[in-house]
Amino acid sequence: MATASTQAMSPVVMVGLNSDTHGLLRPQALDALAGVNHIVHAGDIGSLDILRRLPQLVKKAKCVLWVVKP
């Protein structure tokens, strides 16, 4: 069980979830992802450009699995 003192020392990790961009990163999505530590993209990415742009939004980015369809 966490106490107030251990909670204060625990790091907070913000994870952003995005899906089915189909090659388009909308300004609303970029605003929602601002300040997150990690981004998970689920679904169709649609363009390799999206894979290049998402890591620019976070300090550390990892791609586990993605789908790129024309």
C-alpha atoms as a PDB file:
ATOM      1  CA  MET A   1       0.000   0.000   0.000  1.00  0.00           C
ATOM      2  CA  ALA A   2       1.412   3.377  -1.020  1.00  0.00           C
ATOM      3  CA  THR A   3       1.673   6.115   1.533  1.00  0.00           C
ATOM      4  CA  ALA A   4       1.664   9.844   0.892  1.00  0.00           C
ATOM      5  CA  SER A   5       5.456   9.928   1.186  1.00  0.00           C
ATOM      6  CA  THR A   6       6.015   7.099  -1.324  1.00  0.00           C
ATOM      7  CA  GLN A   7       3.472   8.575  -3.720  1.00  0.00           C
ATOM      8  CA  ALA A   8       5.360  11.868  -3.721  1.00  0.00           C
ATOM      9  CA  MET A   9       8.534  10.039  -4.768  1.00  0.00           C
ATOM     10  CA  SER A  10       6.875   7.943  -7.484  1.00  0.00           C
ATOM     11  CA  PRO A  11       7.374   9.315 -10.993  1.00  0.00           C
ATOM     12  CA  VAL A  12       4.296  10.128 -13.024  1.00  0.00           C
ATOM     13  CA  VAL A  13       4.313   8.820 -16.554  1.00  0.00           C
ATOM     14  CA  MET A  14       1.854  10.287 -19.011  1.00  0.00           C
ATOM     15  CA  VAL A  15       0.967   8.030 -21.933  1.00  0.00           C
ATOM     16  CA  GLY A  16      -0.803   9.357 -25.005  1.00  0.00           C
ATOM     17  CA  LEU A  17      -2.949   7.043 -27.106  1.00  0.00           C
ATOM     18  CA  ASN A  18      -3.665   7.754 -30.744  1.00  0.00           C
ATOM     19  CA  SER A  19      -5.202   5.551 -33.388  1.00  0.00           C
ATOM     20  CA  ASP A  20      -5.945   5.331 -37.080  1.00  0.00           C
ATOM     21  CA  THR A  21      -4.207   8.490 -38.240  1.00  0.00           C
ATOM     22  CA  HIS A  22      -4.226   7.240 -41.846  1.00  0.00           C
ATOM     23  CA  GLY A  23      -1.377   9.641 -42.660  1.00  0.00           C
ATOM     24  CA  LEU A  24      -2.895  12.676 -40.951  1.00  0.00           C
ATOM     25  CA  LEU A  25      -1.950  14.138 -37.561  1.00  0.00           C
ATOM     26  CA  ARG A  26      -4.706  16.604 -36.746  1.00  0.00           C
ATOM     27  CA  PRO A  27      -3.887  19.717 -34.699  1.00  0.00           C
ATOM     28  CA  GLN A  28      -6.328  18.512 -32.022  1.00  0.00           C
ATOM     29  CA  ALA A  29      -4.390  15.254 -31.692  1.00  0.00           C
ATOM     30  CA  LEU A  30      -1.095  17.118 -31.439  1.00  0.00           C
ATOM     31  CA  ASP A  31      -2.559  19.327 -28.694  1.00  0.00           C
ATOM     32  CA  ALA A  32      -3.826  16.273 -26.797  1.00  0.00           C
ATOM     33  CA  LEU A  33      -0.411  14.567 -27.024  1.00  0.00           C
ATOM     34  CA  ALA A  34       1.532  17.612 -25.823  1.00  0.00           C
ATOM     35  CA  GLY A  35       3.407  16.879 -22.608  1.00  0.00           C
ATOM     36  CA  VAL A  36       3.153  13.082 -22.648  1.00  0.00           C
ATOM     37  CA  ASN A  37       6.158  10.860 -21.943  1.00  0.00           C
ATOM     38  CA  HIS A  38       5.201   8.060 -24.314  1.00  0.00           C
ATOM     39  CA  ILE A  39       2.900   7.709 -27.288  1.00  0.00           C
ATOM     40  CA  VAL A  40       1.129   4.486 -28.260  1.00  0.00           C
ATOM     41  CA  HIS A  41      -0.311   4.438 -31.752  1.00  0.00           C
ATOM     42  CA  ALA A  42      -2.929   1.775 -32.357  1.00  0.00           C
ATOM     43  CA  GLY A  43      -4.295   1.053 -35.792  1.00  0.00           C
ATOM     44  CA  ASP A  44      -3.507   2.289 -39.257  1.00  0.00           C
ATOM     45  CA  ILE A  45      -0.692   4.830 -39.447  1.00  0.00           C
ATOM     46  CA  GLY A  46      -0.963   5.251 -43.191  1.00  0.00           C
ATOM     47  CA  SER A  47       2.336   7.057 -43.738  1.00  0.00           C
ATOM     48  CA  LEU A  48       5.909   6.710 -42.592  1.00  0.00           C
ATOM     49  CA  ASP A  49       5.867  10.475 -42.058  1.00  0.00           C
ATOM     50  CA  ILE A  50       3.700   9.873 -38.979  1.00  0.00           C
ATOM     51  CA  LEU A  51       6.409   7.608 -37.543  1.00  0.00           C
ATOM     52  CA  ARG A  52       8.923  10.408 -38.076  1.00  0.00           C
ATOM     53  CA  ARG A  53       6.721  13.073 -36.451  1.00  0.00           C
ATOM     54  CA  LEU A  54       5.508  11.246 -33.330  1.00  0.00           C
ATOM     55  CA  PRO A  55       8.977  10.915 -31.752  1.00  0.00           C
ATOM     56  CA  GLN A  56       9.415  14.688 -32.051  1.00  0.00           C
ATOM     57  CA  LEU A  57       6.570  15.101 -29.545  1.00  0.00           C
ATOM     58  CA  VAL A  58       8.015  13.004 -26.727  1.00  0.00           C
ATOM     59  CA  LYS A  59      11.338  12.716 -24.924  1.00  0.00           C
ATOM     60  CA  LYS A  60      11.569   9.019 -25.636  1.00  0.00           C
ATOM     61  CA  ALA A  61       9.625   7.109 -28.256  1.00  0.00           C
ATOM     62  CA  LYS A  62       9.457   3.427 -29.033  1.00  0.00           C
ATOM     63  CA  CYS A  63       7.533   1.744 -31.754  1.00  0.00           C
ATOM     64  CA  VAL A  64       6.368  -1.724 -30.803  1.00  0.00           C
ATOM     65  CA  LEU A  65       3.998  -2.581 -33.639  1.00  0.00           C
ATOM     66  CA  TRP A  66       2.461  -0.541 -36.404  1.00  0.00           C
ATOM     67  CA  VAL A  67       0.504  -0.861 -39.604  1.00  0.00           C
ATOM     68  CA  VAL A  68       1.301   1.211 -42.670  1.00  0.00           C
ATOM     69  CA  LYS A  69      -1.223   0.816 -45.462  1.00  0.00           C
ATOM     70  CA  PRO A  70      -1.196   2.810 -48.690  1.00  0.00           C
END
